[in-house]
């Protein structure tokens, strides 16, 4: 789908196990994707 408007949320995966768990969880979150960029303003 075209998604112009989004909600941002920063998460931290400090090791490969945490990253693996995060990516596994995201498999079923079909409204969410990942961005490399940092959130400029949490507000």
ModelCIF file with pLDDT and N, C-alpha, C, O atoms, coordinates in Angstrom:
data_MODEL
#
_entry.id   MODEL 
#
_entity.id                         1 
_entity.type                       polymer 
_entity.pdbx_number_of_molecules   1 
#
_entity_poly.entity_id                      1 
_entity_poly.type                           'polypeptide(L)' 
_entity_poly.nstd_linkage                   no 
_entity_poly.nstd_monomer                   no 
_entity_poly.pdbx_seq_one_letter_code       
;(UNK)(UNK)(UNK)(UNK)(UNK)(UNK)(UNK)(UNK)(UNK)(UNK)(UNK)(UNK)(UNK)(UNK)(UNK)(UNK)
(UNK)(UNK)(UNK)(UNK)(UNK)(UNK)(UNK)(UNK)(UNK)(UNK)(UNK)(UNK)(UNK)(UNK)(UNK)(UNK)
(UNK)(UNK)(UNK)(UNK)(UNK)(UNK)(UNK)(UNK)(UNK)(UNK)(UNK)
;
_entity_poly.pdbx_seq_one_letter_code_can   XXXXXXXXXXXXXXXXXXXXXXXXXXXXXXXXXXXXXXXXXXX 
_entity_poly.pdbx_strand_id                 A 
#
loop_
_entity_poly_seq.entity_id 
_entity_poly_seq.num 
_entity_poly_seq.mon_id 
_entity_poly_seq.hetero 
1 1  UNK n 
1 2  UNK n 
1 3  UNK n 
1 4  UNK n 
1 5  UNK n 
1 6  UNK n 
1 7  UNK n 
1 8  UNK n 
1 9  UNK n 
1 10 UNK n 
1 11 UNK n 
1 12 UNK n 
1 13 UNK n 
1 14 UNK n 
1 15 UNK n 
1 16 UNK n 
1 17 UNK n 
1 18 UNK n 
1 19 UNK n 
1 20 UNK n 
1 21 UNK n 
1 22 UNK n 
1 23 UNK n 
1 24 UNK n 
1 25 UNK n 
1 26 UNK n 
1 27 UNK n 
1 28 UNK n 
1 29 UNK n 
1 30 UNK n 
1 31 UNK n 
1 32 UNK n 
1 33 UNK n 
1 34 UNK n 
1 35 UNK n 
1 36 UNK n 
1 37 UNK n 
1 38 UNK n 
1 39 UNK n 
1 40 UNK n 
1 41 UNK n 
1 42 UNK n 
1 43 UNK n 
#
_struct_asym.id          A 
_struct_asym.entity_id   1 
#
loop_
_ma_qa_metric.id 
_ma_qa_metric.mode 
_ma_qa_metric.name 
_ma_qa_metric.software_group_id 
_ma_qa_metric.type 
1 global pLDDT . pLDDT 
2 local  pLDDT . pLDDT 
#
_ma_qa_metric_global.metric_id      1 
_ma_qa_metric_global.metric_value   95.95 
_ma_qa_metric_global.model_id       1 
_ma_qa_metric_global.ordinal_id     1 
#
loop_
_ma_qa_metric_local.label_asym_id 
_ma_qa_metric_local.label_comp_id 
_ma_qa_metric_local.label_seq_id 
_ma_qa_metric_local.metric_id 
_ma_qa_metric_local.metric_value 
_ma_qa_metric_local.model_id 
_ma_qa_metric_local.ordinal_id 
A UNK 1  2 92.00 1 1  
A UNK 2  2 90.00 1 2  
A UNK 3  2 91.00 1 3  
A UNK 4  2 92.00 1 4  
A UNK 5  2 96.00 1 5  
A UNK 6  2 97.00 1 6  
A UNK 7  2 98.00 1 7  
A UNK 8  2 97.00 1 8  
A UNK 9  2 96.00 1 9  
A UNK 10 2 96.00 1 10 
A UNK 11 2 97.00 1 11 
A UNK 12 2 96.00 1 12 
A UNK 13 2 96.00 1 13 
A UNK 14 2 96.00 1 14 
A UNK 15 2 97.00 1 15 
A UNK 16 2 97.00 1 16 
A UNK 17 2 97.00 1 17 
A UNK 18 2 97.00 1 18 
A UNK 19 2 98.00 1 19 
A UNK 20 2 97.00 1 20 
A UNK 21 2 97.00 1 21 
A UNK 22 2 97.00 1 22 
A UNK 23 2 98.00 1 23 
A UNK 24 2 97.00 1 24 
A UNK 25 2 97.00 1 25 
A UNK 26 2 98.00 1 26 
A UNK 27 2 97.00 1 27 
A UNK 28 2 96.00 1 28 
A UNK 29 2 97.00 1 29 
A UNK 30 2 96.00 1 30 
A UNK 31 2 97.00 1 31 
A UNK 32 2 98.00 1 32 
A UNK 33 2 97.00 1 33 
A UNK 34 2 98.00 1 34 
A UNK 35 2 97.00 1 35 
A UNK 36 2 96.00 1 36 
A UNK 37 2 96.00 1 37 
A UNK 38 2 96.00 1 38 
A UNK 39 2 96.00 1 39 
A UNK 40 2 94.00 1 40 
A UNK 41 2 93.00 1 41 
A UNK 42 2 92.00 1 42 
A UNK 43 2 93.00 1 43 
#
loop_
_atom_site.group_PDB 
_atom_site.id 
_atom_site.type_symbol 
_atom_site.label_atom_id 
_atom_site.label_alt_id 
_atom_site.label_comp_id 
_atom_site.label_asym_id 
_atom_site.label_entity_id 
_atom_site.label_seq_id 
_atom_site.pdbx_PDB_ins_code 
_atom_site.Cartn_x 
_atom_site.Cartn_y 
_atom_site.Cartn_z 
_atom_site.occupancy 
_atom_site.B_iso_or_equiv 
_atom_site.pdbx_formal_charge 
_atom_site.auth_seq_id 
_atom_site.auth_comp_id 
_atom_site.auth_asym_id 
_atom_site.auth_atom_id 
_atom_site.pdbx_PDB_model_num 
ATOM 1   N N  . UNK A 1 1  ? 0.841  -1.193  0.000  1.00 92.00 ? 1  UNK A N  1 
ATOM 2   C CA . UNK A 1 1  ? 0.000  0.000   0.000  1.00 92.00 ? 1  UNK A CA 1 
ATOM 3   C C  . UNK A 1 1  ? 0.880  1.249   0.000  1.00 92.00 ? 1  UNK A C  1 
ATOM 4   O O  . UNK A 1 1  ? 1.997  1.244   0.517  1.00 92.00 ? 1  UNK A O  1 
ATOM 5   N N  . UNK A 1 2  ? 0.348  2.313   -0.591 1.00 90.00 ? 2  UNK A N  1 
ATOM 6   C CA . UNK A 1 2  ? 1.030  3.601   -0.490 1.00 90.00 ? 2  UNK A CA 1 
ATOM 7   C C  . UNK A 1 2  ? 0.789  4.156   0.910  1.00 90.00 ? 2  UNK A C  1 
ATOM 8   O O  . UNK A 1 2  ? -0.354 4.286   1.350  1.00 90.00 ? 2  UNK A O  1 
ATOM 9   N N  . UNK A 1 3  ? 1.847  4.473   1.585  1.00 91.00 ? 3  UNK A N  1 
ATOM 10  C CA . UNK A 1 3  ? 1.731  4.964   2.967  1.00 91.00 ? 3  UNK A CA 1 
ATOM 11  C C  . UNK A 1 3  ? 2.496  6.272   3.074  1.00 91.00 ? 3  UNK A C  1 
ATOM 12  O O  . UNK A 1 3  ? 3.722  6.284   3.186  1.00 91.00 ? 3  UNK A O  1 
ATOM 13  N N  . UNK A 1 4  ? 1.761  7.368   3.039  1.00 92.00 ? 4  UNK A N  1 
ATOM 14  C CA . UNK A 1 4  ? 2.396  8.689   3.102  1.00 92.00 ? 4  UNK A CA 1 
ATOM 15  C C  . UNK A 1 4  ? 2.644  9.127   4.545  1.00 92.00 ? 4  UNK A C  1 
ATOM 16  O O  . UNK A 1 4  ? 3.656  9.760   4.847  1.00 92.00 ? 4  UNK A O  1 
ATOM 17  N N  . UNK A 1 5  ? 1.707  8.779   5.435  1.00 96.00 ? 5  UNK A N  1 
ATOM 18  C CA . UNK A 1 5  ? 1.777  9.216   6.826  1.00 96.00 ? 5  UNK A CA 1 
ATOM 19  C C  . UNK A 1 5  ? 2.120  8.031   7.719  1.00 96.00 ? 5  UNK A C  1 
ATOM 20  O O  . UNK A 1 5  ? 1.519  6.962   7.611  1.00 96.00 ? 5  UNK A O  1 
ATOM 21  N N  . UNK A 1 6  ? 3.093  8.235   8.601  1.00 97.00 ? 6  UNK A N  1 
ATOM 22  C CA . UNK A 1 6  ? 3.609  7.145   9.423  1.00 97.00 ? 6  UNK A CA 1 
ATOM 23  C C  . UNK A 1 6  ? 3.811  7.585   10.864 1.00 97.00 ? 6  UNK A C  1 
ATOM 24  O O  . UNK A 1 6  ? 3.899  8.778   11.156 1.00 97.00 ? 6  UNK A O  1 
ATOM 25  N N  . UNK A 1 7  ? 3.884  6.612   11.755 1.00 98.00 ? 7  UNK A N  1 
ATOM 26  C CA . UNK A 1 7  ? 4.285  6.842   13.141 1.00 98.00 ? 7  UNK A CA 1 
ATOM 27  C C  . UNK A 1 7  ? 5.671  6.226   13.322 1.00 98.00 ? 7  UNK A C  1 
ATOM 28  O O  . UNK A 1 7  ? 5.897  5.084   12.921 1.00 98.00 ? 7  UNK A O  1 
ATOM 29  N N  . UNK A 1 8  ? 6.597  6.971   13.921 1.00 97.00 ? 8  UNK A N  1 
ATOM 30  C CA . UNK A 1 8  ? 7.962  6.499   14.121 1.00 97.00 ? 8  UNK A CA 1 
ATOM 31  C C  . UNK A 1 8  ? 8.172  6.055   15.566 1.00 97.00 ? 8  UNK A C  1 
ATOM 32  O O  . UNK A 1 8  ? 7.606  6.626   16.498 1.00 97.00 ? 8  UNK A O  1 
ATOM 33  N N  . UNK A 1 9  ? 8.987  5.041   15.725 1.00 96.00 ? 9  UNK A N  1 
ATOM 34  C CA . UNK A 1 9  ? 9.340  4.555   17.055 1.00 96.00 ? 9  UNK A CA 1 
ATOM 35  C C  . UNK A 1 9  ? 10.737 3.955   16.979 1.00 96.00 ? 9  UNK A C  1 
ATOM 36  O O  . UNK A 1 9  ? 10.992 3.099   16.132 1.00 96.00 ? 9  UNK A O  1 
ATOM 37  N N  . UNK A 1 10 ? 11.637 4.383   17.840 1.00 96.00 ? 10 UNK A N  1 
ATOM 38  C CA . UNK A 1 10 ? 13.010 3.870   17.847 1.00 96.00 ? 10 UNK A CA 1 
ATOM 39  C C  . UNK A 1 10 ? 13.117 2.671   18.777 1.00 96.00 ? 10 UNK A C  1 
ATOM 40  O O  . UNK A 1 10 ? 12.630 2.703   19.907 1.00 96.00 ? 10 UNK A O  1 
ATOM 41  N N  . UNK A 1 11 ? 13.764 1.605   18.288 1.00 97.00 ? 11 UNK A N  1 
ATOM 42  C CA . UNK A 1 11 ? 14.046 0.441   19.116 1.00 97.00 ? 11 UNK A CA 1 
ATOM 43  C C  . UNK A 1 11 ? 15.537 0.118   18.996 1.00 97.00 ? 11 UNK A C  1 
ATOM 44  O O  . UNK A 1 11 ? 16.181 0.472   18.008 1.00 97.00 ? 11 UNK A O  1 
ATOM 45  N N  . UNK A 1 12 ? 16.069 -0.551  20.002 1.00 96.00 ? 12 UNK A N  1 
ATOM 46  C CA . UNK A 1 12 ? 17.489 -0.885  20.031 1.00 96.00 ? 12 UNK A CA 1 
ATOM 47  C C  . UNK A 1 12 ? 17.633 -2.401  20.160 1.00 96.00 ? 12 UNK A C  1 
ATOM 48  O O  . UNK A 1 12 ? 17.040 -3.029  21.038 1.00 96.00 ? 12 UNK A O  1 
ATOM 49  N N  . UNK A 1 13 ? 18.442 -2.972  19.255 1.00 96.00 ? 13 UNK A N  1 
ATOM 50  C CA . UNK A 1 13 ? 18.775 -4.394  19.320 1.00 96.00 ? 13 UNK A CA 1 
ATOM 51  C C  . UNK A 1 13 ? 20.285 -4.499  19.495 1.00 96.00 ? 13 UNK A C  1 
ATOM 52  O O  . UNK A 1 13 ? 21.013 -4.458  18.503 1.00 96.00 ? 13 UNK A O  1 
ATOM 53  N N  . UNK A 1 14 ? 20.782 -4.633  20.729 1.00 96.00 ? 14 UNK A N  1 
ATOM 54  C CA . UNK A 1 14 ? 22.219 -4.514  20.995 1.00 96.00 ? 14 UNK A CA 1 
ATOM 55  C C  . UNK A 1 14 ? 23.062 -5.705  20.565 1.00 96.00 ? 14 UNK A C  1 
ATOM 56  O O  . UNK A 1 14 ? 24.286 -5.598  20.493 1.00 96.00 ? 14 UNK A O  1 
ATOM 57  N N  . UNK A 1 15 ? 22.423 -6.848  20.276 1.00 97.00 ? 15 UNK A N  1 
ATOM 58  C CA . UNK A 1 15 ? 23.189 -8.016  19.846 1.00 97.00 ? 15 UNK A CA 1 
ATOM 59  C C  . UNK A 1 15 ? 22.375 -8.797  18.827 1.00 97.00 ? 15 UNK A C  1 
ATOM 60  O O  . UNK A 1 15 ? 21.219 -8.469  18.558 1.00 97.00 ? 15 UNK A O  1 
ATOM 61  N N  . UNK A 1 16 ? 22.984 -9.829  18.264 1.00 97.00 ? 16 UNK A N  1 
ATOM 62  C CA . UNK A 1 16 ? 22.339 -10.558 17.177 1.00 97.00 ? 16 UNK A CA 1 
ATOM 63  C C  . UNK A 1 16 ? 21.095 -11.296 17.650 1.00 97.00 ? 16 UNK A C  1 
ATOM 64  O O  . UNK A 1 16 ? 20.129 -11.409 16.896 1.00 97.00 ? 16 UNK A O  1 
ATOM 65  N N  . UNK A 1 17 ? 21.095 -11.797 18.874 1.00 97.00 ? 17 UNK A N  1 
ATOM 66  C CA . UNK A 1 17 ? 19.907 -12.487 19.389 1.00 97.00 ? 17 UNK A CA 1 
ATOM 67  C C  . UNK A 1 17 ? 18.727 -11.525 19.489 1.00 97.00 ? 17 UNK A C  1 
ATOM 68  O O  . UNK A 1 17 ? 17.601 -11.870 19.129 1.00 97.00 ? 17 UNK A O  1 
ATOM 69  N N  . UNK A 1 18 ? 18.997 -10.308 19.985 1.00 97.00 ? 18 UNK A N  1 
ATOM 70  C CA . UNK A 1 18 ? 17.922 -9.319  20.096 1.00 97.00 ? 18 UNK A CA 1 
ATOM 71  C C  . UNK A 1 18 ? 17.435 -8.898  18.718 1.00 97.00 ? 18 UNK A C  1 
ATOM 72  O O  . UNK A 1 18 ? 16.237 -8.701  18.516 1.00 97.00 ? 18 UNK A O  1 
ATOM 73  N N  . UNK A 1 19 ? 18.351 -8.761  17.773 1.00 98.00 ? 19 UNK A N  1 
ATOM 74  C CA . UNK A 1 19 ? 17.961 -8.399  16.413 1.00 98.00 ? 19 UNK A CA 1 
ATOM 75  C C  . UNK A 1 19 ? 17.135 -9.517  15.781 1.00 98.00 ? 19 UNK A C  1 
ATOM 76  O O  . UNK A 1 19 ? 16.140 -9.252  15.107 1.00 98.00 ? 19 UNK A O  1 
ATOM 77  N N  . UNK A 1 20 ? 17.541 -10.746 15.995 1.00 97.00 ? 20 UNK A N  1 
ATOM 78  C CA . UNK A 1 20 ? 16.804 -11.892 15.469 1.00 97.00 ? 20 UNK A CA 1 
ATOM 79  C C  . UNK A 1 20 ? 15.377 -11.913 16.022 1.00 97.00 ? 20 UNK A C  1 
ATOM 80  O O  . UNK A 1 20 ? 14.428 -12.135 15.270 1.00 97.00 ? 20 UNK A O  1 
ATOM 81  N N  . UNK A 1 21 ? 15.221 -11.685 17.316 1.00 97.00 ? 21 UNK A N  1 
ATOM 82  C CA . UNK A 1 21 ? 13.896 -11.677 17.926 1.00 97.00 ? 21 UNK A CA 1 
ATOM 83  C C  . UNK A 1 21 ? 13.038 -10.543 17.365 1.00 97.00 ? 21 UNK A C  1 
ATOM 84  O O  . UNK A 1 21 ? 11.853 -10.727 17.085 1.00 97.00 ? 21 UNK A O  1 
ATOM 85  N N  . UNK A 1 22 ? 13.653 -9.367  17.206 1.00 97.00 ? 22 UNK A N  1 
ATOM 86  C CA . UNK A 1 22 ? 12.924 -8.228  16.654 1.00 97.00 ? 22 UNK A CA 1 
ATOM 87  C C  . UNK A 1 22 ? 12.430 -8.522  15.243 1.00 97.00 ? 22 UNK A C  1 
ATOM 88  O O  . UNK A 1 22 ? 11.262 -8.298  14.928 1.00 97.00 ? 22 UNK A O  1 
ATOM 89  N N  . UNK A 1 23 ? 13.321 -9.024  14.399 1.00 98.00 ? 23 UNK A N  1 
ATOM 90  C CA . UNK A 1 23 ? 12.940 -9.302  13.014 1.00 98.00 ? 23 UNK A CA 1 
ATOM 91  C C  . UNK A 1 23 ? 11.882 -10.401 12.947 1.00 98.00 ? 23 UNK A C  1 
ATOM 92  O O  . UNK A 1 23 ? 10.992 -10.362 12.097 1.00 98.00 ? 23 UNK A O  1 
ATOM 93  N N  . UNK A 1 24 ? 11.982 -11.373 13.839 1.00 97.00 ? 24 UNK A N  1 
ATOM 94  C CA . UNK A 1 24 ? 10.968 -12.432 13.888 1.00 97.00 ? 24 UNK A CA 1 
ATOM 95  C C  . UNK A 1 24 ? 9.606  -11.841 14.253 1.00 97.00 ? 24 UNK A C  1 
ATOM 96  O O  . UNK A 1 24 ? 8.593  -12.196 13.651 1.00 97.00 ? 24 UNK A O  1 
ATOM 97  N N  . UNK A 1 25 ? 9.579  -10.953 15.224 1.00 97.00 ? 25 UNK A N  1 
ATOM 98  C CA . UNK A 1 25 ? 8.321  -10.316 15.625 1.00 97.00 ? 25 UNK A CA 1 
ATOM 99  C C  . UNK A 1 25 ? 7.738  -9.472  14.495 1.00 97.00 ? 25 UNK A C  1 
ATOM 100 O O  . UNK A 1 25 ? 6.520  -9.415  14.323 1.00 97.00 ? 25 UNK A O  1 
ATOM 101 N N  . UNK A 1 26 ? 8.602  -8.822  13.728 1.00 98.00 ? 26 UNK A N  1 
ATOM 102 C CA . UNK A 1 26 ? 8.135  -7.943  12.659 1.00 98.00 ? 26 UNK A CA 1 
ATOM 103 C C  . UNK A 1 26 ? 7.559  -8.706  11.471 1.00 98.00 ? 26 UNK A C  1 
ATOM 104 O O  . UNK A 1 26 ? 6.884  -8.111  10.631 1.00 98.00 ? 26 UNK A O  1 
ATOM 105 N N  . UNK A 1 27 ? 7.809  -10.000 11.384 1.00 97.00 ? 27 UNK A N  1 
ATOM 106 C CA . UNK A 1 27 ? 7.258  -10.787 10.275 1.00 97.00 ? 27 UNK A CA 1 
ATOM 107 C C  . UNK A 1 27 ? 5.735  -10.699 10.232 1.00 97.00 ? 27 UNK A C  1 
ATOM 108 O O  . UNK A 1 27 ? 5.141  -10.738 9.155  1.00 97.00 ? 27 UNK A O  1 
ATOM 109 N N  . UNK A 1 28 ? 5.111  -10.581 11.385 1.00 96.00 ? 28 UNK A N  1 
ATOM 110 C CA . UNK A 1 28 ? 3.642  -10.556 11.432 1.00 96.00 ? 28 UNK A CA 1 
ATOM 111 C C  . UNK A 1 28 ? 3.076  -9.144  11.576 1.00 96.00 ? 28 UNK A C  1 
ATOM 112 O O  . UNK A 1 28 ? 1.858  -8.973  11.626 1.00 96.00 ? 28 UNK A O  1 
ATOM 113 N N  . UNK A 1 29 ? 3.930  -8.145  11.644 1.00 97.00 ? 29 UNK A N  1 
ATOM 114 C CA . UNK A 1 29 ? 3.454  -6.760  11.757 1.00 97.00 ? 29 UNK A CA 1 
ATOM 115 C C  . UNK A 1 29 ? 3.405  -6.156  10.354 1.00 97.00 ? 29 UNK A C  1 
ATOM 116 O O  . UNK A 1 29 ? 4.355  -5.513  9.906  1.00 97.00 ? 29 UNK A O  1 
ATOM 117 N N  . UNK A 1 30 ? 2.309  -6.369  9.689  1.00 96.00 ? 30 UNK A N  1 
ATOM 118 C CA . UNK A 1 30 ? 2.211  -6.023  8.271  1.00 96.00 ? 30 UNK A CA 1 
ATOM 119 C C  . UNK A 1 30 ? 1.934  -4.551  8.014  1.00 96.00 ? 30 UNK A C  1 
ATOM 120 O O  . UNK A 1 30 ? 1.760  -4.135  6.868  1.00 96.00 ? 30 UNK A O  1 
ATOM 121 N N  . UNK A 1 31 ? 1.894  -3.769  9.077  1.00 97.00 ? 31 UNK A N  1 
ATOM 122 C CA . UNK A 1 31 ? 1.735  -2.323  8.901  1.00 97.00 ? 31 UNK A CA 1 
ATOM 123 C C  . UNK A 1 31 ? 3.034  -1.579  9.230  1.00 97.00 ? 31 UNK A C  1 
ATOM 124 O O  . UNK A 1 31 ? 3.036  -0.354  9.348  1.00 97.00 ? 31 UNK A O  1 
ATOM 125 N N  . UNK A 1 32 ? 4.134  -2.321  9.376  1.00 98.00 ? 32 UNK A N  1 
ATOM 126 C CA . UNK A 1 32 ? 5.369  -1.719  9.877  1.00 98.00 ? 32 UNK A CA 1 
ATOM 127 C C  . UNK A 1 32 ? 6.554  -2.086  8.996  1.00 98.00 ? 32 UNK A C  1 
ATOM 128 O O  . UNK A 1 32 ? 6.644  -3.203  8.487  1.00 98.00 ? 32 UNK A O  1 
ATOM 129 N N  . UNK A 1 33 ? 7.465  -1.126  8.825  1.00 97.00 ? 33 UNK A N  1 
ATOM 130 C CA . UNK A 1 33 ? 8.728  -1.372  8.139  1.00 97.00 ? 33 UNK A CA 1 
ATOM 131 C C  . UNK A 1 33 ? 9.853  -0.720  8.949  1.00 97.00 ? 33 UNK A C  1 
ATOM 132 O O  . UNK A 1 33 ? 9.601  -0.075  9.967  1.00 97.00 ? 33 UNK A O  1 
ATOM 133 N N  . UNK A 1 34 ? 11.084 -0.894  8.491  1.00 98.00 ? 34 UNK A N  1 
ATOM 134 C CA . UNK A 1 34 ? 12.270 -0.392  9.183  1.00 98.00 ? 34 UNK A CA 1 
ATOM 135 C C  . UNK A 1 34 ? 12.903 0.723   8.371  1.00 98.00 ? 34 UNK A C  1 
ATOM 136 O O  . UNK A 1 34 ? 12.902 0.678   7.141  1.00 98.00 ? 34 UNK A O  1 
ATOM 137 N N  . UNK A 1 35 ? 13.444 1.725   9.056  1.00 97.00 ? 35 UNK A N  1 
ATOM 138 C CA . UNK A 1 35 ? 14.195 2.808   8.414  1.00 97.00 ? 35 UNK A CA 1 
ATOM 139 C C  . UNK A 1 35 ? 15.569 2.910   9.083  1.00 97.00 ? 35 UNK A C  1 
ATOM 140 O O  . UNK A 1 35 ? 15.690 2.715   10.292 1.00 97.00 ? 35 UNK A O  1 
ATOM 141 N N  . UNK A 1 36 ? 16.607 3.220   8.287  1.00 96.00 ? 36 UNK A N  1 
ATOM 142 C CA . UNK A 1 36 ? 17.938 3.436   8.859  1.00 96.00 ? 36 UNK A CA 1 
ATOM 143 C C  . UNK A 1 36 ? 18.023 4.765   9.593  1.00 96.00 ? 36 UNK A C  1 
ATOM 144 O O  . UNK A 1 36 ? 18.735 4.886   10.590 1.00 96.00 ? 36 UNK A O  1 
ATOM 145 N N  . UNK A 1 37 ? 17.298 5.758   9.101  1.00 96.00 ? 37 UNK A N  1 
ATOM 146 C CA . UNK A 1 37 ? 17.420 7.110   9.630  1.00 96.00 ? 37 UNK A CA 1 
ATOM 147 C C  . UNK A 1 37 ? 16.991 7.222   11.077 1.00 96.00 ? 37 UNK A C  1 
ATOM 148 O O  . UNK A 1 37 ? 16.201 6.418   11.574 1.00 96.00 ? 37 UNK A O  1 
ATOM 149 N N  . UNK A 1 38 ? 17.527 8.238   11.749 1.00 96.00 ? 38 UNK A N  1 
ATOM 150 C CA . UNK A 1 38 ? 17.179 8.517   13.144 1.00 96.00 ? 38 UNK A CA 1 
ATOM 151 C C  . UNK A 1 38 ? 16.030 9.515   13.198 1.00 96.00 ? 38 UNK A C  1 
ATOM 152 O O  . UNK A 1 38 ? 15.919 10.389  12.339 1.00 96.00 ? 38 UNK A O  1 
ATOM 153 N N  . UNK A 1 39 ? 15.181 9.383   14.203 1.00 96.00 ? 39 UNK A N  1 
ATOM 154 C CA . UNK A 1 39 ? 14.083 10.327  14.404 1.00 96.00 ? 39 UNK A CA 1 
ATOM 155 C C  . UNK A 1 39 ? 14.674 11.671  14.829 1.00 96.00 ? 39 UNK A C  1 
ATOM 156 O O  . UNK A 1 39 ? 15.417 11.740  15.808 1.00 96.00 ? 39 UNK A O  1 
ATOM 157 N N  . UNK A 1 40 ? 14.349 12.732  14.101 1.00 94.00 ? 40 UNK A N  1 
ATOM 158 C CA . UNK A 1 40 ? 14.903 14.048  14.422 1.00 94.00 ? 40 UNK A CA 1 
ATOM 159 C C  . UNK A 1 40 ? 14.325 14.616  15.717 1.00 94.00 ? 40 UNK A C  1 
ATOM 160 O O  . UNK A 1 40 ? 15.045 15.205  16.523 1.00 94.00 ? 40 UNK A O  1 
ATOM 161 N N  . UNK A 1 41 ? 13.039 14.437  15.903 1.00 93.00 ? 41 UNK A N  1 
ATOM 162 C CA . UNK A 1 41 ? 12.365 15.062  17.042 1.00 93.00 ? 41 UNK A CA 1 
ATOM 163 C C  . UNK A 1 41 ? 11.299 14.100  17.549 1.00 93.00 ? 41 UNK A C  1 
ATOM 164 O O  . UNK A 1 41 ? 10.299 13.862  16.872 1.00 93.00 ? 41 UNK A O  1 
ATOM 165 N N  . UNK A 1 42 ? 11.512 13.551  18.733 1.00 92.00 ? 42 UNK A N  1 
ATOM 166 C CA . UNK A 1 42 ? 10.553 12.593  19.292 1.00 92.00 ? 42 UNK A CA 1 
ATOM 167 C C  . UNK A 1 42 ? 9.161  13.205  19.452 1.00 92.00 ? 42 UNK A C  1 
ATOM 168 O O  . UNK A 1 42 ? 8.160  12.489  19.451 1.00 92.00 ? 42 UNK A O  1 
ATOM 169 N N  . UNK A 1 43 ? 9.104  14.530  19.589 1.00 93.00 ? 43 UNK A N  1 
ATOM 170 C CA . UNK A 1 43 ? 7.807  15.198  19.731 1.00 93.00 ? 43 UNK A CA 1 
ATOM 171 C C  . UNK A 1 43 ? 7.092  15.327  18.387 1.00 93.00 ? 43 UNK A C  1 
ATOM 172 O O  . UNK A 1 43 ? 5.986  15.865  18.325 1.00 93.00 ? 43 UNK A O  1 
#
